[in-house]
Amino acid sequence: MADDLVLLSDPAIAAITTVESGEPAIDATDRTSLRVDRREARYNPLLHYVRAGLRERLVRAEAGLPPGVHLLLVEGYRPPAVQLQQYTAYAELLGGRFPDWSPDHVRREASRFISPPEVAPHCTGGAIDLTLCTGDGAELDLGTEVNASPVASGNRCYTASPDISAEAAANRRVLGDALTGAGLVNYPTEWWHWSYGDRYWAYANATSARYAPLATDQVVTG
């Protein structure tokens, strides 16, 4: 499915120039009504941090949602060490399951779910995993759980998957319209992953990236 997609493992993404803007990574919930889910906090206590420009656009997207519907942020900034661990574990899982795959093929297939560390959007603070919820925090149906892998979900995690319910497809459109309208771009193998200012956003907009990867201490002091 969708073999012509440009994935994060594509050399075109690594070739994108980055001109660091100097924007700090800040708490997404500070002086906003944005909601943060803590399901990934045991792996990443800094998940509620994002670049200032991304937070501004998330607030704008939230304001554009239908009444009673809200963004639920799952993970923003991800430390490089966490990214490396998660990518390595998934690549090893795929390599073990498909021993005939070459290393390059494993890298490409792994990047449908977890980015190679050297180009990882989450490490810049410019990417966010998120979903929709009601006013009381109940998640809406978007077809799969957040972070469902292509293998586990039968590719239903792909944003344009036809193999989901009409309700889930409608909710994906609501999410996509709000975030696209606020200037974010989607990673098409993950309906929940959106970004601004990173290399993938830059590729989609034919420009330079605004955000380079951040070390953990840059986020804490930012």
N, C-alpha and C. Protein backbone atom coordinates (compact mmCIF):
# COMPACT_ATOMS: atom_id res chain seq x y z
N MET A 1 0.85 -1.21 0.00
CA MET A 1 0.00 0.00 0.00
C MET A 1 0.87 1.25 0.00
N ALA A 2 0.57 2.18 -0.89
CA ALA A 2 1.22 3.50 -0.91
C ALA A 2 2.74 3.39 -0.98
N ASP A 3 3.26 2.55 -1.88
CA ASP A 3 4.70 2.38 -1.99
C ASP A 3 5.40 3.63 -2.52
N ASP A 4 4.64 4.57 -3.06
CA ASP A 4 5.25 5.77 -3.60
C ASP A 4 5.36 6.88 -2.56
N LEU A 5 5.00 6.60 -1.30
CA LEU A 5 5.11 7.62 -0.26
C LEU A 5 6.56 7.99 -0.02
N VAL A 6 6.79 9.27 0.24
CA VAL A 6 8.11 9.70 0.70
C VAL A 6 8.16 9.50 2.20
N LEU A 7 9.01 8.58 2.64
CA LEU A 7 9.12 8.26 4.05
C LEU A 7 10.29 9.00 4.68
N LEU A 8 10.36 8.98 5.99
CA LEU A 8 11.43 9.69 6.69
C LEU A 8 12.79 9.08 6.42
N SER A 9 12.84 7.84 5.95
CA SER A 9 14.11 7.21 5.59
C SER A 9 14.61 7.63 4.22
N ASP A 10 13.80 8.35 3.45
CA ASP A 10 14.18 8.75 2.10
C ASP A 10 15.36 9.73 2.14
N PRO A 11 16.36 9.56 1.28
CA PRO A 11 17.49 10.50 1.26
C PRO A 11 17.07 11.95 1.05
N ALA A 12 15.93 12.16 0.42
CA ALA A 12 15.46 13.54 0.20
C ALA A 12 15.17 14.26 1.51
N ILE A 13 14.78 13.50 2.53
CA ILE A 13 14.51 14.12 3.83
C ILE A 13 15.82 14.48 4.53
N ALA A 14 16.78 13.57 4.50
CA ALA A 14 18.08 13.84 5.11
C ALA A 14 18.80 15.01 4.44
N ALA A 15 18.49 15.25 3.15
CA ALA A 15 19.16 16.31 2.41
C ALA A 15 18.61 17.70 2.70
N ILE A 16 17.50 17.77 3.40
CA ILE A 16 16.90 19.07 3.71
C ILE A 16 17.84 19.89 4.60
N THR A 17 18.04 21.14 4.24
CA THR A 17 18.85 22.06 5.03
C THR A 17 18.05 22.55 6.24
N THR A 18 18.71 22.67 7.37
CA THR A 18 18.07 23.20 8.57
C THR A 18 18.70 24.54 8.93
N VAL A 19 17.86 25.56 9.09
CA VAL A 19 18.28 26.87 9.57
C VAL A 19 17.57 27.08 10.90
N GLU A 20 18.27 26.78 11.98
CA GLU A 20 17.67 26.78 13.30
C GLU A 20 17.12 28.16 13.67
N SER A 21 15.87 28.18 14.09
CA SER A 21 15.20 29.44 14.41
C SER A 21 15.52 29.96 15.80
N GLY A 22 15.98 29.08 16.68
CA GLY A 22 16.25 29.50 18.05
C GLY A 22 15.02 29.53 18.94
N GLU A 23 13.86 29.12 18.40
CA GLU A 23 12.67 29.08 19.25
C GLU A 23 12.84 28.08 20.38
N PRO A 24 12.42 28.43 21.58
CA PRO A 24 12.55 27.48 22.69
C PRO A 24 11.51 26.38 22.61
N ALA A 25 11.80 25.28 23.28
CA ALA A 25 10.80 24.25 23.53
C ALA A 25 10.12 24.60 24.85
N ILE A 26 8.80 24.66 24.85
CA ILE A 26 8.05 25.12 26.01
C ILE A 26 6.92 24.15 26.34
N ASP A 27 6.41 24.27 27.54
CA ASP A 27 5.31 23.42 27.99
C ASP A 27 4.07 23.75 27.17
N ALA A 28 3.52 22.75 26.49
CA ALA A 28 2.36 22.99 25.63
C ALA A 28 1.14 23.43 26.42
N THR A 29 1.08 23.09 27.70
CA THR A 29 -0.11 23.41 28.50
C THR A 29 0.00 24.73 29.25
N ASP A 30 1.17 25.34 29.23
CA ASP A 30 1.37 26.59 29.97
C ASP A 30 0.59 27.73 29.33
N ARG A 31 -0.36 28.26 30.07
CA ARG A 31 -1.22 29.37 29.62
C ARG A 31 -2.01 29.01 28.36
N THR A 32 -2.35 27.74 28.21
CA THR A 32 -3.24 27.30 27.14
C THR A 32 -4.27 26.34 27.73
N SER A 33 -5.28 26.01 26.92
CA SER A 33 -6.27 25.01 27.34
C SER A 33 -5.99 23.65 26.72
N LEU A 34 -4.80 23.49 26.13
CA LEU A 34 -4.45 22.22 25.49
C LEU A 34 -4.36 21.10 26.53
N ARG A 35 -4.82 19.92 26.14
CA ARG A 35 -4.83 18.76 27.03
C ARG A 35 -3.71 17.81 26.64
N VAL A 36 -3.06 17.24 27.65
CA VAL A 36 -1.96 16.30 27.41
C VAL A 36 -2.27 14.98 28.08
N ASP A 37 -2.19 13.91 27.31
CA ASP A 37 -2.33 12.55 27.81
C ASP A 37 -0.96 12.07 28.27
N ARG A 38 -0.92 11.28 29.33
CA ARG A 38 0.35 10.87 29.91
C ARG A 38 0.70 9.40 29.65
N ARG A 39 0.10 8.80 28.64
CA ARG A 39 0.32 7.36 28.42
C ARG A 39 1.77 7.02 28.14
N GLU A 40 2.54 7.96 27.59
CA GLU A 40 3.94 7.71 27.26
C GLU A 40 4.91 8.29 28.29
N ALA A 41 4.39 8.83 29.38
CA ALA A 41 5.25 9.56 30.33
C ALA A 41 6.29 8.67 31.00
N ARG A 42 6.00 7.38 31.15
CA ARG A 42 6.98 6.50 31.79
C ARG A 42 8.23 6.35 30.93
N TYR A 43 8.11 6.57 29.63
CA TYR A 43 9.26 6.53 28.74
C TYR A 43 9.86 7.91 28.50
N ASN A 44 9.02 8.93 28.61
CA ASN A 44 9.43 10.26 28.19
C ASN A 44 8.75 11.33 29.05
N PRO A 45 9.38 11.76 30.13
CA PRO A 45 8.76 12.77 31.00
C PRO A 45 8.70 14.16 30.39
N LEU A 46 9.32 14.36 29.23
CA LEU A 46 9.32 15.68 28.58
C LEU A 46 8.34 15.75 27.42
N LEU A 47 7.42 14.82 27.34
CA LEU A 47 6.53 14.72 26.18
C LEU A 47 5.61 15.91 26.00
N HIS A 48 5.42 16.72 27.05
CA HIS A 48 4.50 17.87 26.94
C HIS A 48 5.20 19.13 26.44
N TYR A 49 6.49 19.02 26.09
CA TYR A 49 7.21 20.15 25.53
C TYR A 49 7.16 20.13 24.00
N VAL A 50 6.98 21.31 23.42
CA VAL A 50 7.03 21.49 21.96
C VAL A 50 7.65 22.84 21.68
N ARG A 51 8.07 23.06 20.46
CA ARG A 51 8.57 24.38 20.08
C ARG A 51 7.45 25.42 20.18
N ALA A 52 7.86 26.64 20.43
CA ALA A 52 6.88 27.72 20.61
C ALA A 52 5.99 27.88 19.39
N GLY A 53 6.58 27.77 18.19
CA GLY A 53 5.80 27.92 16.97
C GLY A 53 4.78 26.82 16.78
N LEU A 54 5.13 25.60 17.20
CA LEU A 54 4.18 24.50 17.12
C LEU A 54 3.05 24.71 18.12
N ARG A 55 3.37 25.12 19.34
CA ARG A 55 2.31 25.34 20.32
C ARG A 55 1.32 26.40 19.83
N GLU A 56 1.82 27.46 19.25
CA GLU A 56 0.95 28.51 18.72
C GLU A 56 -0.03 27.93 17.69
N ARG A 57 0.46 27.04 16.85
CA ARG A 57 -0.39 26.45 15.82
C ARG A 57 -1.36 25.41 16.38
N LEU A 58 -0.97 24.74 17.44
CA LEU A 58 -1.89 23.81 18.09
C LEU A 58 -3.04 24.55 18.76
N VAL A 59 -2.74 25.68 19.36
CA VAL A 59 -3.81 26.49 19.95
C VAL A 59 -4.77 26.95 18.86
N ARG A 60 -4.23 27.34 17.71
CA ARG A 60 -5.07 27.76 16.59
C ARG A 60 -5.92 26.60 16.08
N ALA A 61 -5.32 25.41 15.99
CA ALA A 61 -6.08 24.24 15.53
C ALA A 61 -7.19 23.89 16.50
N GLU A 62 -6.90 23.94 17.79
CA GLU A 62 -7.92 23.66 18.81
C GLU A 62 -9.12 24.59 18.65
N ALA A 63 -8.86 25.85 18.37
CA ALA A 63 -9.94 26.83 18.22
C ALA A 63 -10.78 26.54 16.98
N GLY A 64 -10.23 25.81 16.01
CA GLY A 64 -10.96 25.51 14.79
C GLY A 64 -11.76 24.23 14.81
N LEU A 65 -11.75 23.52 15.94
CA LEU A 65 -12.48 22.27 16.03
C LEU A 65 -13.97 22.51 16.31
N PRO A 66 -14.83 21.55 15.98
CA PRO A 66 -16.26 21.69 16.28
C PRO A 66 -16.50 21.81 17.79
N PRO A 67 -17.60 22.38 18.20
CA PRO A 67 -17.91 22.49 19.62
C PRO A 67 -17.90 21.13 20.31
N GLY A 68 -17.30 21.08 21.48
CA GLY A 68 -17.26 19.85 22.24
C GLY A 68 -16.16 18.88 21.86
N VAL A 69 -15.34 19.23 20.85
CA VAL A 69 -14.24 18.38 20.41
C VAL A 69 -12.92 19.09 20.72
N HIS A 70 -11.95 18.33 21.22
CA HIS A 70 -10.69 18.91 21.66
C HIS A 70 -9.52 18.07 21.17
N LEU A 71 -8.36 18.72 21.06
CA LEU A 71 -7.12 18.00 20.82
C LEU A 71 -6.68 17.32 22.11
N LEU A 72 -6.13 16.13 21.97
CA LEU A 72 -5.51 15.44 23.09
C LEU A 72 -4.08 15.12 22.67
N LEU A 73 -3.12 15.84 23.23
CA LEU A 73 -1.72 15.69 22.87
C LEU A 73 -1.14 14.47 23.57
N VAL A 74 -0.47 13.62 22.81
CA VAL A 74 0.08 12.38 23.36
C VAL A 74 1.60 12.47 23.53
N GLU A 75 2.30 13.01 22.55
CA GLU A 75 3.76 13.14 22.69
C GLU A 75 4.30 14.19 21.74
N GLY A 76 5.05 15.14 22.32
CA GLY A 76 5.72 16.16 21.53
C GLY A 76 7.21 15.84 21.43
N TYR A 77 8.02 16.59 22.18
CA TYR A 77 9.46 16.36 22.16
C TYR A 77 9.78 14.96 22.66
N ARG A 78 10.76 14.35 21.99
CA ARG A 78 11.25 13.03 22.40
C ARG A 78 12.77 13.09 22.46
N PRO A 79 13.38 12.76 23.59
CA PRO A 79 14.85 12.80 23.69
C PRO A 79 15.50 11.87 22.66
N PRO A 80 16.64 12.29 22.11
CA PRO A 80 17.32 11.46 21.11
C PRO A 80 17.60 10.03 21.59
N ALA A 81 17.93 9.85 22.86
CA ALA A 81 18.22 8.51 23.36
C ALA A 81 16.98 7.62 23.32
N VAL A 82 15.82 8.21 23.60
CA VAL A 82 14.56 7.46 23.54
C VAL A 82 14.24 7.11 22.09
N GLN A 83 14.47 8.06 21.18
CA GLN A 83 14.22 7.80 19.76
C GLN A 83 15.09 6.65 19.26
N LEU A 84 16.36 6.67 19.63
CA LEU A 84 17.28 5.62 19.20
C LEU A 84 16.84 4.26 19.73
N GLN A 85 16.44 4.21 20.99
CA GLN A 85 16.02 2.95 21.57
C GLN A 85 14.78 2.40 20.88
N GLN A 86 13.80 3.28 20.62
CA GLN A 86 12.55 2.83 20.01
C GLN A 86 12.77 2.41 18.56
N TYR A 87 13.56 3.17 17.82
CA TYR A 87 13.83 2.81 16.43
C TYR A 87 14.58 1.48 16.35
N THR A 88 15.61 1.33 17.17
CA THR A 88 16.41 0.10 17.16
C THR A 88 15.55 -1.11 17.49
N ALA A 89 14.69 -0.98 18.50
CA ALA A 89 13.84 -2.11 18.90
C ALA A 89 12.89 -2.50 17.79
N TYR A 90 12.29 -1.51 17.10
CA TYR A 90 11.33 -1.85 16.04
C TYR A 90 12.04 -2.41 14.82
N ALA A 91 13.20 -1.84 14.48
CA ALA A 91 13.96 -2.37 13.34
C ALA A 91 14.39 -3.81 13.60
N GLU A 92 14.81 -4.10 14.82
CA GLU A 92 15.20 -5.47 15.15
C GLU A 92 14.00 -6.41 15.11
N LEU A 93 12.84 -5.93 15.54
CA LEU A 93 11.63 -6.75 15.47
C LEU A 93 11.31 -7.10 14.02
N LEU A 94 11.37 -6.10 13.13
CA LEU A 94 11.08 -6.36 11.72
C LEU A 94 12.13 -7.28 11.10
N GLY A 95 13.40 -7.05 11.44
CA GLY A 95 14.45 -7.89 10.90
C GLY A 95 14.32 -9.34 11.32
N GLY A 96 13.85 -9.54 12.56
CA GLY A 96 13.63 -10.90 13.02
C GLY A 96 12.43 -11.56 12.39
N ARG A 97 11.40 -10.77 12.13
CA ARG A 97 10.17 -11.31 11.54
C ARG A 97 10.33 -11.56 10.05
N PHE A 98 11.16 -10.73 9.40
CA PHE A 98 11.35 -10.85 7.94
C PHE A 98 12.86 -10.97 7.66
N PRO A 99 13.43 -12.13 7.91
CA PRO A 99 14.89 -12.28 7.80
C PRO A 99 15.43 -12.12 6.38
N ASP A 100 14.58 -12.18 5.37
CA ASP A 100 15.06 -12.01 3.99
C ASP A 100 15.20 -10.54 3.60
N TRP A 101 14.72 -9.64 4.43
CA TRP A 101 14.81 -8.22 4.10
C TRP A 101 16.26 -7.74 4.24
N SER A 102 16.68 -6.90 3.33
CA SER A 102 18.00 -6.28 3.43
C SER A 102 17.97 -5.19 4.50
N PRO A 103 19.14 -4.77 5.01
CA PRO A 103 19.17 -3.68 5.98
C PRO A 103 18.49 -2.41 5.47
N ASP A 104 18.67 -2.09 4.19
CA ASP A 104 18.02 -0.89 3.63
C ASP A 104 16.50 -1.04 3.63
N HIS A 105 16.03 -2.25 3.34
CA HIS A 105 14.58 -2.47 3.33
C HIS A 105 14.02 -2.42 4.74
N VAL A 106 14.75 -2.97 5.70
CA VAL A 106 14.32 -2.88 7.10
C VAL A 106 14.22 -1.42 7.52
N ARG A 107 15.22 -0.63 7.14
CA ARG A 107 15.22 0.80 7.50
C ARG A 107 14.00 1.51 6.90
N ARG A 108 13.70 1.23 5.65
CA ARG A 108 12.55 1.88 5.02
C ARG A 108 11.25 1.44 5.68
N GLU A 109 11.10 0.16 5.91
CA GLU A 109 9.85 -0.31 6.50
C GLU A 109 9.71 0.15 7.95
N ALA A 110 10.81 0.19 8.68
CA ALA A 110 10.75 0.69 10.06
C ALA A 110 10.31 2.15 10.09
N SER A 111 10.72 2.92 9.09
CA SER A 111 10.41 4.35 9.09
C SER A 111 8.95 4.65 8.79
N ARG A 112 8.18 3.63 8.44
CA ARG A 112 6.74 3.84 8.33
C ARG A 112 6.11 4.03 9.70
N PHE A 113 6.83 3.66 10.76
CA PHE A 113 6.30 3.70 12.11
C PHE A 113 7.15 4.50 13.09
N ILE A 114 8.47 4.41 12.93
CA ILE A 114 9.37 5.13 13.84
C ILE A 114 10.55 5.66 13.03
N SER A 115 10.82 6.94 13.16
CA SER A 115 11.82 7.58 12.30
C SER A 115 13.24 7.16 12.65
N PRO A 116 14.11 7.05 11.65
CA PRO A 116 15.54 6.92 11.94
C PRO A 116 15.97 8.10 12.80
N PRO A 117 16.79 7.88 13.82
CA PRO A 117 17.10 8.93 14.79
C PRO A 117 17.68 10.21 14.19
N GLU A 118 18.48 10.09 13.12
CA GLU A 118 19.16 11.27 12.59
C GLU A 118 18.21 12.27 11.92
N VAL A 119 16.99 11.86 11.60
CA VAL A 119 16.04 12.79 10.99
C VAL A 119 14.72 12.85 11.78
N ALA A 120 14.74 12.40 13.01
CA ALA A 120 13.50 12.24 13.78
C ALA A 120 12.81 13.56 14.08
N PRO A 121 11.58 13.74 13.62
CA PRO A 121 10.85 14.98 13.88
C PRO A 121 10.64 15.27 15.37
N HIS A 122 10.33 14.23 16.15
CA HIS A 122 10.04 14.47 17.57
C HIS A 122 11.25 15.02 18.31
N CYS A 123 12.44 14.68 17.89
CA CYS A 123 13.64 15.16 18.58
C CYS A 123 13.87 16.66 18.38
N THR A 124 13.20 17.25 17.41
CA THR A 124 13.32 18.70 17.19
C THR A 124 12.34 19.51 18.03
N GLY A 125 11.34 18.85 18.61
CA GLY A 125 10.28 19.59 19.29
C GLY A 125 9.24 20.13 18.34
N GLY A 126 9.35 19.76 17.06
CA GLY A 126 8.42 20.28 16.06
C GLY A 126 7.35 19.30 15.64
N ALA A 127 7.30 18.13 16.28
CA ALA A 127 6.31 17.11 15.92
C ALA A 127 5.43 16.80 17.13
N ILE A 128 4.21 16.38 16.83
CA ILE A 128 3.27 16.04 17.89
C ILE A 128 2.44 14.84 17.47
N ASP A 129 2.31 13.89 18.39
CA ASP A 129 1.33 12.81 18.23
C ASP A 129 0.09 13.21 19.01
N LEU A 130 -1.06 13.09 18.39
CA LEU A 130 -2.27 13.59 19.05
C LEU A 130 -3.51 12.93 18.48
N THR A 131 -4.61 13.07 19.21
CA THR A 131 -5.89 12.56 18.77
C THR A 131 -6.98 13.55 19.18
N LEU A 132 -8.24 13.13 19.07
CA LEU A 132 -9.37 13.98 19.45
C LEU A 132 -10.07 13.38 20.65
N CYS A 133 -10.64 14.25 21.48
CA CYS A 133 -11.40 13.78 22.62
C CYS A 133 -12.60 14.69 22.86
N THR A 134 -13.51 14.22 23.70
CA THR A 134 -14.67 15.02 24.11
C THR A 134 -14.27 15.92 25.28
N GLY A 135 -15.23 16.71 25.72
CA GLY A 135 -14.97 17.60 26.83
C GLY A 135 -14.59 16.89 28.11
N ASP A 136 -15.08 15.67 28.30
CA ASP A 136 -14.73 14.92 29.51
C ASP A 136 -13.54 13.99 29.30
N GLY A 137 -12.85 14.13 28.17
CA GLY A 137 -11.61 13.38 27.94
C GLY A 137 -11.75 12.07 27.23
N ALA A 138 -12.96 11.67 26.86
CA ALA A 138 -13.15 10.40 26.15
C ALA A 138 -12.62 10.53 24.71
N GLU A 139 -11.75 9.62 24.31
CA GLU A 139 -11.18 9.68 22.97
C GLU A 139 -12.22 9.31 21.91
N LEU A 140 -12.19 10.02 20.80
CA LEU A 140 -13.05 9.70 19.67
C LEU A 140 -12.45 8.55 18.87
N ASP A 141 -13.29 7.92 18.07
CA ASP A 141 -12.85 6.82 17.23
C ASP A 141 -12.16 7.37 15.99
N LEU A 142 -10.86 7.08 15.87
CA LEU A 142 -10.12 7.46 14.67
C LEU A 142 -9.57 6.25 13.94
N GLY A 143 -10.13 5.09 14.21
CA GLY A 143 -9.82 3.91 13.41
C GLY A 143 -8.82 2.95 14.00
N THR A 144 -7.81 3.48 14.68
CA THR A 144 -6.83 2.66 15.41
C THR A 144 -6.45 3.43 16.66
N GLU A 145 -5.74 2.76 17.55
CA GLU A 145 -5.13 3.45 18.67
C GLU A 145 -3.98 4.32 18.15
N VAL A 146 -3.67 5.38 18.89
CA VAL A 146 -2.44 6.12 18.62
C VAL A 146 -1.27 5.15 18.78
N ASN A 147 -0.30 5.25 17.87
CA ASN A 147 0.90 4.42 17.89
C ASN A 147 0.64 2.96 17.51
N ALA A 148 -0.42 2.70 16.76
CA ALA A 148 -0.62 1.37 16.19
C ALA A 148 0.31 1.22 14.99
N SER A 149 1.11 0.17 14.96
CA SER A 149 2.06 0.00 13.87
C SER A 149 1.36 -0.48 12.60
N PRO A 150 1.98 -0.26 11.44
CA PRO A 150 1.40 -0.80 10.19
C PRO A 150 1.19 -2.30 10.23
N VAL A 151 2.16 -3.02 10.81
CA VAL A 151 2.04 -4.47 10.88
C VAL A 151 0.87 -4.87 11.76
N ALA A 152 0.78 -4.28 12.94
CA ALA A 152 -0.27 -4.65 13.89
C ALA A 152 -1.66 -4.22 13.43
N SER A 153 -1.73 -3.10 12.71
CA SER A 153 -3.03 -2.55 12.33
C SER A 153 -3.46 -2.93 10.92
N GLY A 154 -2.65 -3.69 10.20
CA GLY A 154 -2.97 -3.99 8.81
C GLY A 154 -3.03 -2.73 7.96
N ASN A 155 -2.16 -1.78 8.28
CA ASN A 155 -2.06 -0.49 7.58
C ASN A 155 -3.26 0.44 7.82
N ARG A 156 -4.12 0.11 8.75
CA ARG A 156 -5.23 1.04 9.06
C ARG A 156 -4.73 2.31 9.74
N CYS A 157 -3.48 2.29 10.20
CA CYS A 157 -2.88 3.50 10.78
C CYS A 157 -2.57 4.54 9.71
N TYR A 158 -2.51 4.13 8.44
CA TYR A 158 -2.28 5.09 7.36
C TYR A 158 -3.42 6.11 7.35
N THR A 159 -3.08 7.37 7.24
CA THR A 159 -4.09 8.43 7.33
C THR A 159 -5.21 8.24 6.31
N ALA A 160 -4.88 7.83 5.12
CA ALA A 160 -5.87 7.69 4.05
C ALA A 160 -6.41 6.27 3.93
N SER A 161 -6.22 5.43 4.94
CA SER A 161 -6.68 4.05 4.86
C SER A 161 -8.17 3.98 4.55
N PRO A 162 -8.57 3.16 3.58
CA PRO A 162 -9.99 2.98 3.30
C PRO A 162 -10.64 1.94 4.21
N ASP A 163 -9.82 1.28 5.01
CA ASP A 163 -10.30 0.14 5.79
C ASP A 163 -10.65 0.53 7.23
N ILE A 164 -11.37 1.65 7.38
CA ILE A 164 -11.83 2.11 8.68
C ILE A 164 -13.29 2.51 8.55
N SER A 165 -13.96 2.69 9.68
CA SER A 165 -15.38 3.01 9.65
C SER A 165 -15.61 4.43 9.13
N ALA A 166 -16.84 4.70 8.72
CA ALA A 166 -17.19 6.04 8.26
C ALA A 166 -17.00 7.07 9.38
N GLU A 167 -17.32 6.67 10.61
CA GLU A 167 -17.14 7.58 11.74
C GLU A 167 -15.67 7.92 11.95
N ALA A 168 -14.82 6.90 11.91
CA ALA A 168 -13.40 7.14 12.09
C ALA A 168 -12.84 8.01 10.97
N ALA A 169 -13.26 7.77 9.74
CA ALA A 169 -12.80 8.57 8.60
C ALA A 169 -13.23 10.03 8.75
N ALA A 170 -14.45 10.24 9.23
CA ALA A 170 -14.94 11.60 9.44
C ALA A 170 -14.12 12.29 10.53
N ASN A 171 -13.80 11.56 11.59
CA ASN A 171 -13.00 12.16 12.66
C ASN A 171 -11.58 12.48 12.19
N ARG A 172 -11.02 11.63 11.33
CA ARG A 172 -9.70 11.94 10.77
C ARG A 172 -9.76 13.21 9.93
N ARG A 173 -10.85 13.40 9.21
CA ARG A 173 -10.98 14.62 8.41
C ARG A 173 -11.08 15.85 9.31
N VAL A 174 -11.81 15.74 10.40
CA VAL A 174 -11.92 16.86 11.35
C VAL A 174 -10.53 17.22 11.88
N LEU A 175 -9.79 16.21 12.32
CA LEU A 175 -8.44 16.44 12.83
C LEU A 175 -7.55 17.04 11.75
N GLY A 176 -7.59 16.45 10.57
CA GLY A 176 -6.73 16.91 9.49
C GLY A 176 -7.05 18.32 9.04
N ASP A 177 -8.32 18.66 8.94
CA ASP A 177 -8.70 20.01 8.52
C ASP A 177 -8.19 21.05 9.51
N ALA A 178 -8.32 20.76 10.81
CA ALA A 178 -7.90 21.71 11.83
C ALA A 178 -6.38 21.91 11.81
N LEU A 179 -5.65 20.81 11.70
CA LEU A 179 -4.20 20.91 11.77
C LEU A 179 -3.60 21.45 10.47
N THR A 180 -4.13 21.02 9.34
CA THR A 180 -3.66 21.57 8.06
C THR A 180 -3.94 23.06 8.00
N GLY A 181 -5.11 23.46 8.48
CA GLY A 181 -5.45 24.87 8.49
C GLY A 181 -4.54 25.71 9.37
N ALA A 182 -3.92 25.07 10.36
CA ALA A 182 -3.00 25.77 11.25
C ALA A 182 -1.55 25.69 10.78
N GLY A 183 -1.32 25.05 9.62
CA GLY A 183 0.01 25.04 9.04
C GLY A 183 0.85 23.81 9.31
N LEU A 184 0.27 22.75 9.85
CA LEU A 184 1.00 21.52 10.11
C LEU A 184 0.90 20.57 8.92
N VAL A 185 1.82 19.62 8.86
CA VAL A 185 1.76 18.57 7.84
C VAL A 185 1.71 17.22 8.54
N ASN A 186 1.08 16.26 7.87
CA ASN A 186 0.90 14.92 8.41
C ASN A 186 1.93 13.96 7.83
N TYR A 187 2.36 13.01 8.63
CA TYR A 187 3.15 11.89 8.14
C TYR A 187 2.16 10.81 7.73
N PRO A 188 2.05 10.48 6.45
CA PRO A 188 0.88 9.75 5.95
C PRO A 188 0.74 8.30 6.39
N THR A 189 1.75 7.74 7.04
CA THR A 189 1.60 6.38 7.57
C THR A 189 1.09 6.38 9.01
N GLU A 190 0.92 7.58 9.59
CA GLU A 190 0.48 7.71 10.98
C GLU A 190 -0.54 8.84 11.07
N TRP A 191 -1.80 8.53 11.19
CA TRP A 191 -2.82 9.58 11.21
C TRP A 191 -2.63 10.55 12.36
N TRP A 192 -1.97 10.13 13.42
CA TRP A 192 -1.83 10.93 14.64
C TRP A 192 -0.60 11.83 14.63
N HIS A 193 0.31 11.66 13.66
CA HIS A 193 1.60 12.38 13.69
C HIS A 193 1.56 13.59 12.76
N TRP A 194 1.76 14.76 13.35
CA TRP A 194 1.74 16.02 12.62
C TRP A 194 2.95 16.85 13.04
N SER A 195 3.39 17.74 12.14
CA SER A 195 4.59 18.50 12.49
C SER A 195 4.62 19.86 11.82
N TYR A 196 5.46 20.70 12.40
CA TYR A 196 5.73 22.03 11.86
C TYR A 196 7.21 22.34 12.10
N GLY A 197 7.89 22.82 11.08
CA GLY A 197 9.26 23.30 11.24
C GLY A 197 10.35 22.26 11.13
N ASP A 198 9.99 20.98 11.08
CA ASP A 198 10.98 19.92 10.98
C ASP A 198 11.30 19.63 9.51
N ARG A 199 12.13 18.64 9.24
CA ARG A 199 12.52 18.34 7.88
C ARG A 199 11.34 17.87 7.03
N TYR A 200 10.46 17.06 7.60
CA TYR A 200 9.34 16.56 6.80
C TYR A 200 8.41 17.70 6.41
N TRP A 201 8.15 18.60 7.32
CA TRP A 201 7.36 19.80 7.02
C TRP A 201 8.06 20.61 5.93
N ALA A 202 9.38 20.76 6.06
CA ALA A 202 10.15 21.54 5.07
C ALA A 202 10.07 20.90 3.69
N TYR A 203 10.17 19.57 3.65
CA TYR A 203 10.06 18.88 2.36
C TYR A 203 8.70 19.14 1.72
N ALA A 204 7.65 19.08 2.50
CA ALA A 204 6.30 19.30 1.98
C ALA A 204 6.09 20.72 1.50
N ASN A 205 6.84 21.65 2.08
CA ASN A 205 6.68 23.07 1.75
C ASN A 205 7.81 23.63 0.90
N ALA A 206 8.72 22.76 0.44
CA ALA A 206 9.84 23.16 -0.42
C ALA A 206 10.61 24.33 0.19
N THR A 207 11.02 24.15 1.44
CA THR A 207 11.76 25.19 2.13
C THR A 207 12.77 24.54 3.06
N SER A 208 13.47 25.33 3.85
CA SER A 208 14.40 24.81 4.85
C SER A 208 13.67 24.47 6.13
N ALA A 209 14.21 23.54 6.87
CA ALA A 209 13.67 23.24 8.19
C ALA A 209 14.01 24.37 9.15
N ARG A 210 13.12 24.60 10.10
CA ARG A 210 13.32 25.65 11.11
C ARG A 210 13.89 25.11 12.41
N TYR A 211 13.73 23.82 12.62
CA TYR A 211 14.09 23.23 13.91
C TYR A 211 15.09 22.09 13.75
N ALA A 212 16.22 22.21 14.41
CA ALA A 212 17.20 21.12 14.50
C ALA A 212 16.90 20.28 15.73
N PRO A 213 17.47 19.08 15.83
CA PRO A 213 17.27 18.28 17.03
C PRO A 213 17.76 19.00 18.28
N LEU A 214 17.10 18.75 19.39
CA LEU A 214 17.44 19.37 20.67
C LEU A 214 17.93 18.29 21.65
N ALA A 215 19.02 18.60 22.34
CA ALA A 215 19.44 17.74 23.44
C ALA A 215 18.47 17.94 24.61
N THR A 216 18.41 16.95 25.48
CA THR A 216 17.48 17.01 26.59
C THR A 216 17.67 18.25 27.44
N ASP A 217 18.92 18.63 27.70
CA ASP A 217 19.16 19.80 28.57
C ASP A 217 18.73 21.10 27.90
N GLN A 218 18.65 21.14 26.59
CA GLN A 218 18.13 22.32 25.90
C GLN A 218 16.64 22.49 26.13
N VAL A 219 15.92 21.39 26.28
CA VAL A 219 14.48 21.45 26.54
C VAL A 219 14.22 21.85 27.98
N VAL A 220 14.95 21.25 28.91
CA VAL A 220 14.76 21.53 30.33
C VAL A 220 15.04 22.99 30.64
N THR A 221 16.10 23.54 30.05
CA THR A 221 16.46 24.93 30.33
C THR A 221 15.70 25.90 29.45
N GLY A 222 15.09 25.38 28.35
CA GLY A 222 14.35 26.24 27.44
C GLY A 222 13.08 26.75 28.05
